[in-house]
């Protein structure tokens, strides 16, 4: 797996995951399970890889400089 999630994207994903996790405290009953969706952006941020980015050919990682 090649990294395709850059630093700014990782920070945004972590913030989004924390916002989703906070739903647990605001929703009632079975709706609290929507907070578990926050695991997806948290996981993709932690491993710096997003499968959907691969499908669409997107990468937010900075380009590596070629030696030459």
N, C-alpha and C. Protein backbone atom coordinates (compact mmCIF):
# COMPACT_ATOMS: atom_id res chain seq x y z
N UNK A 1 0.83 -1.17 0.00
CA UNK A 1 0.00 0.00 0.00
C UNK A 1 0.87 1.24 0.00
N UNK A 2 0.64 2.08 -0.93
CA UNK A 2 1.35 3.34 -1.01
C UNK A 2 0.50 4.43 -0.36
N UNK A 3 1.11 5.26 0.46
CA UNK A 3 0.37 6.33 1.13
C UNK A 3 -0.25 7.26 0.11
N UNK A 4 -1.51 7.63 0.32
CA UNK A 4 -2.16 8.58 -0.57
C UNK A 4 -2.95 9.63 0.21
N UNK A 5 -2.71 9.73 1.53
CA UNK A 5 -3.37 10.72 2.37
C UNK A 5 -2.29 11.62 2.98
N UNK A 6 -2.35 12.89 2.65
CA UNK A 6 -1.36 13.85 3.13
C UNK A 6 -1.64 14.32 4.55
N UNK A 7 -0.78 15.17 5.07
CA UNK A 7 -0.86 15.63 6.45
C UNK A 7 -2.13 16.42 6.73
N UNK A 8 -2.43 17.39 5.89
CA UNK A 8 -3.64 18.20 6.11
C UNK A 8 -4.90 17.34 6.01
N UNK A 9 -4.89 16.40 5.10
CA UNK A 9 -6.02 15.49 4.94
C UNK A 9 -6.16 14.60 6.17
N UNK A 10 -5.05 14.15 6.72
CA UNK A 10 -5.08 13.31 7.93
C UNK A 10 -5.67 14.08 9.11
N UNK A 11 -5.27 15.33 9.27
CA UNK A 11 -5.79 16.15 10.37
C UNK A 11 -7.30 16.35 10.20
N UNK A 12 -7.73 16.62 8.98
CA UNK A 12 -9.16 16.81 8.71
C UNK A 12 -9.94 15.53 9.01
N UNK A 13 -9.38 14.39 8.67
CA UNK A 13 -10.05 13.12 8.93
C UNK A 13 -10.16 12.85 10.43
N UNK A 14 -9.13 13.19 11.18
CA UNK A 14 -9.17 12.99 12.63
C UNK A 14 -10.22 13.89 13.27
N UNK A 15 -10.27 15.14 12.84
CA UNK A 15 -11.27 16.07 13.37
C UNK A 15 -12.67 15.57 13.03
N UNK A 16 -12.87 15.11 11.80
CA UNK A 16 -14.17 14.59 11.37
C UNK A 16 -14.54 13.35 12.19
N UNK A 17 -13.58 12.48 12.45
CA UNK A 17 -13.83 11.28 13.24
C UNK A 17 -14.24 11.65 14.67
N UNK A 18 -13.58 12.63 15.25
CA UNK A 18 -13.95 13.05 16.60
C UNK A 18 -15.35 13.65 16.63
N UNK A 19 -15.71 14.38 15.58
CA UNK A 19 -17.06 14.94 15.50
C UNK A 19 -18.09 13.82 15.41
N UNK A 20 -17.79 12.79 14.63
CA UNK A 20 -18.71 11.66 14.55
C UNK A 20 -18.80 10.91 15.87
N UNK A 21 -17.68 10.75 16.55
CA UNK A 21 -17.69 10.08 17.85
C UNK A 21 -18.54 10.85 18.87
N UNK A 22 -18.57 12.17 18.75
CA UNK A 22 -19.35 12.98 19.69
C UNK A 22 -20.85 12.75 19.53
N UNK A 23 -21.28 12.23 18.38
CA UNK A 23 -22.69 11.92 18.18
C UNK A 23 -23.20 10.93 19.22
N UNK A 24 -22.32 10.12 19.74
CA UNK A 24 -22.71 9.13 20.74
C UNK A 24 -23.38 9.79 21.95
N UNK A 25 -22.92 10.99 22.28
CA UNK A 25 -23.44 11.68 23.46
C UNK A 25 -24.70 12.49 23.16
N UNK A 26 -24.97 12.76 21.88
CA UNK A 26 -26.11 13.59 21.53
C UNK A 26 -27.30 12.80 20.99
N UNK A 27 -27.06 11.63 20.48
CA UNK A 27 -28.14 10.81 19.95
C UNK A 27 -28.62 9.83 21.01
N UNK A 28 -29.85 9.34 20.81
CA UNK A 28 -30.42 8.41 21.77
C UNK A 28 -30.75 7.08 21.11
N UNK A 29 -30.78 6.03 21.90
CA UNK A 29 -31.18 4.72 21.42
C UNK A 29 -30.20 4.13 20.41
N UNK A 30 -30.76 3.44 19.43
CA UNK A 30 -29.93 2.79 18.41
C UNK A 30 -29.25 3.78 17.47
N UNK A 31 -29.68 5.01 17.45
CA UNK A 31 -29.05 6.03 16.60
C UNK A 31 -27.62 6.32 17.04
N UNK A 32 -27.28 5.94 18.26
CA UNK A 32 -25.91 6.15 18.75
C UNK A 32 -24.88 5.38 17.93
N UNK A 33 -25.31 4.32 17.26
CA UNK A 33 -24.39 3.52 16.47
C UNK A 33 -23.83 4.29 15.28
N UNK A 34 -24.46 5.42 14.89
CA UNK A 34 -23.90 6.24 13.82
C UNK A 34 -22.53 6.79 14.20
N UNK A 35 -22.27 6.91 15.48
CA UNK A 35 -20.96 7.38 15.95
C UNK A 35 -19.85 6.41 15.55
N UNK A 36 -20.18 5.15 15.37
CA UNK A 36 -19.18 4.15 14.99
C UNK A 36 -18.62 4.40 13.59
N UNK A 37 -19.34 5.17 12.78
CA UNK A 37 -18.85 5.50 11.44
C UNK A 37 -17.54 6.29 11.54
N UNK A 38 -17.31 6.92 12.67
CA UNK A 38 -16.07 7.66 12.89
C UNK A 38 -14.83 6.79 12.85
N UNK A 39 -15.00 5.49 12.96
CA UNK A 39 -13.84 4.59 12.87
C UNK A 39 -13.21 4.60 11.49
N UNK A 40 -14.01 4.81 10.46
CA UNK A 40 -13.49 4.78 9.09
C UNK A 40 -12.48 5.91 8.84
N UNK A 41 -12.86 7.19 9.07
CA UNK A 41 -11.85 8.24 8.84
C UNK A 41 -10.67 8.15 9.80
N UNK A 42 -10.92 7.66 11.02
CA UNK A 42 -9.81 7.51 11.97
C UNK A 42 -8.83 6.44 11.49
N UNK A 43 -9.33 5.34 10.98
CA UNK A 43 -8.47 4.28 10.48
C UNK A 43 -7.69 4.73 9.24
N UNK A 44 -8.36 5.38 8.30
CA UNK A 44 -7.66 5.83 7.10
C UNK A 44 -6.62 6.90 7.42
N UNK A 45 -6.89 7.71 8.43
CA UNK A 45 -5.90 8.72 8.84
C UNK A 45 -4.71 8.06 9.51
N UNK A 46 -4.95 7.03 10.29
CA UNK A 46 -3.85 6.40 11.02
C UNK A 46 -2.92 5.60 10.12
N UNK A 47 -3.44 5.04 9.02
CA UNK A 47 -2.58 4.27 8.12
C UNK A 47 -2.18 5.05 6.87
N UNK A 48 -2.65 6.29 6.75
CA UNK A 48 -2.32 7.18 5.61
C UNK A 48 -2.69 6.57 4.27
N UNK A 49 -3.75 5.83 4.25
CA UNK A 49 -4.18 5.19 3.00
C UNK A 49 -5.70 5.19 2.93
N UNK A 50 -6.23 5.63 1.80
CA UNK A 50 -7.67 5.63 1.59
C UNK A 50 -7.97 4.81 0.34
N UNK A 51 -8.71 3.71 0.48
CA UNK A 51 -9.03 2.86 -0.67
C UNK A 51 -9.80 3.61 -1.77
N UNK A 52 -10.69 4.50 -1.39
CA UNK A 52 -11.44 5.26 -2.40
C UNK A 52 -10.52 6.19 -3.20
N UNK A 53 -9.53 6.75 -2.56
CA UNK A 53 -8.57 7.58 -3.28
C UNK A 53 -7.85 6.74 -4.34
N UNK A 54 -7.53 5.51 -4.03
CA UNK A 54 -6.87 4.64 -5.00
C UNK A 54 -7.76 4.37 -6.20
N UNK A 55 -9.04 4.13 -5.95
CA UNK A 55 -9.98 3.85 -7.03
C UNK A 55 -10.07 5.04 -7.99
N UNK A 56 -10.11 6.25 -7.43
CA UNK A 56 -10.26 7.44 -8.26
C UNK A 56 -8.93 8.09 -8.66
N UNK A 57 -7.82 7.51 -8.23
CA UNK A 57 -6.50 8.03 -8.61
C UNK A 57 -6.14 9.34 -7.93
N UNK A 58 -6.64 9.56 -6.73
CA UNK A 58 -6.38 10.79 -5.99
C UNK A 58 -5.27 10.55 -4.98
N UNK A 59 -4.44 11.55 -4.77
CA UNK A 59 -3.42 11.49 -3.74
C UNK A 59 -3.21 12.90 -3.19
N UNK A 60 -3.27 13.04 -1.87
CA UNK A 60 -3.03 14.34 -1.25
C UNK A 60 -1.64 14.40 -0.63
N UNK A 61 -0.84 13.35 -0.84
CA UNK A 61 0.54 13.35 -0.36
C UNK A 61 1.37 14.26 -1.26
N UNK A 62 2.32 14.95 -0.67
CA UNK A 62 3.20 15.77 -1.50
C UNK A 62 4.03 14.89 -2.44
N UNK A 63 4.27 15.39 -3.63
CA UNK A 63 5.04 14.64 -4.62
C UNK A 63 6.50 14.52 -4.17
N UNK A 64 7.05 13.33 -4.33
CA UNK A 64 8.46 13.13 -3.99
C UNK A 64 9.33 13.72 -5.08
N UNK A 65 10.40 14.37 -4.65
CA UNK A 65 11.33 14.96 -5.61
C UNK A 65 12.20 13.86 -6.22
N UNK A 66 12.32 13.92 -7.53
CA UNK A 66 13.15 12.92 -8.20
C UNK A 66 14.60 13.37 -8.18
N UNK A 67 15.50 12.41 -8.01
CA UNK A 67 16.93 12.72 -8.00
C UNK A 67 17.40 12.91 -9.43
N UNK A 68 18.11 13.95 -9.64
CA UNK A 68 18.58 14.12 -11.00
C UNK A 68 19.10 15.43 -11.21
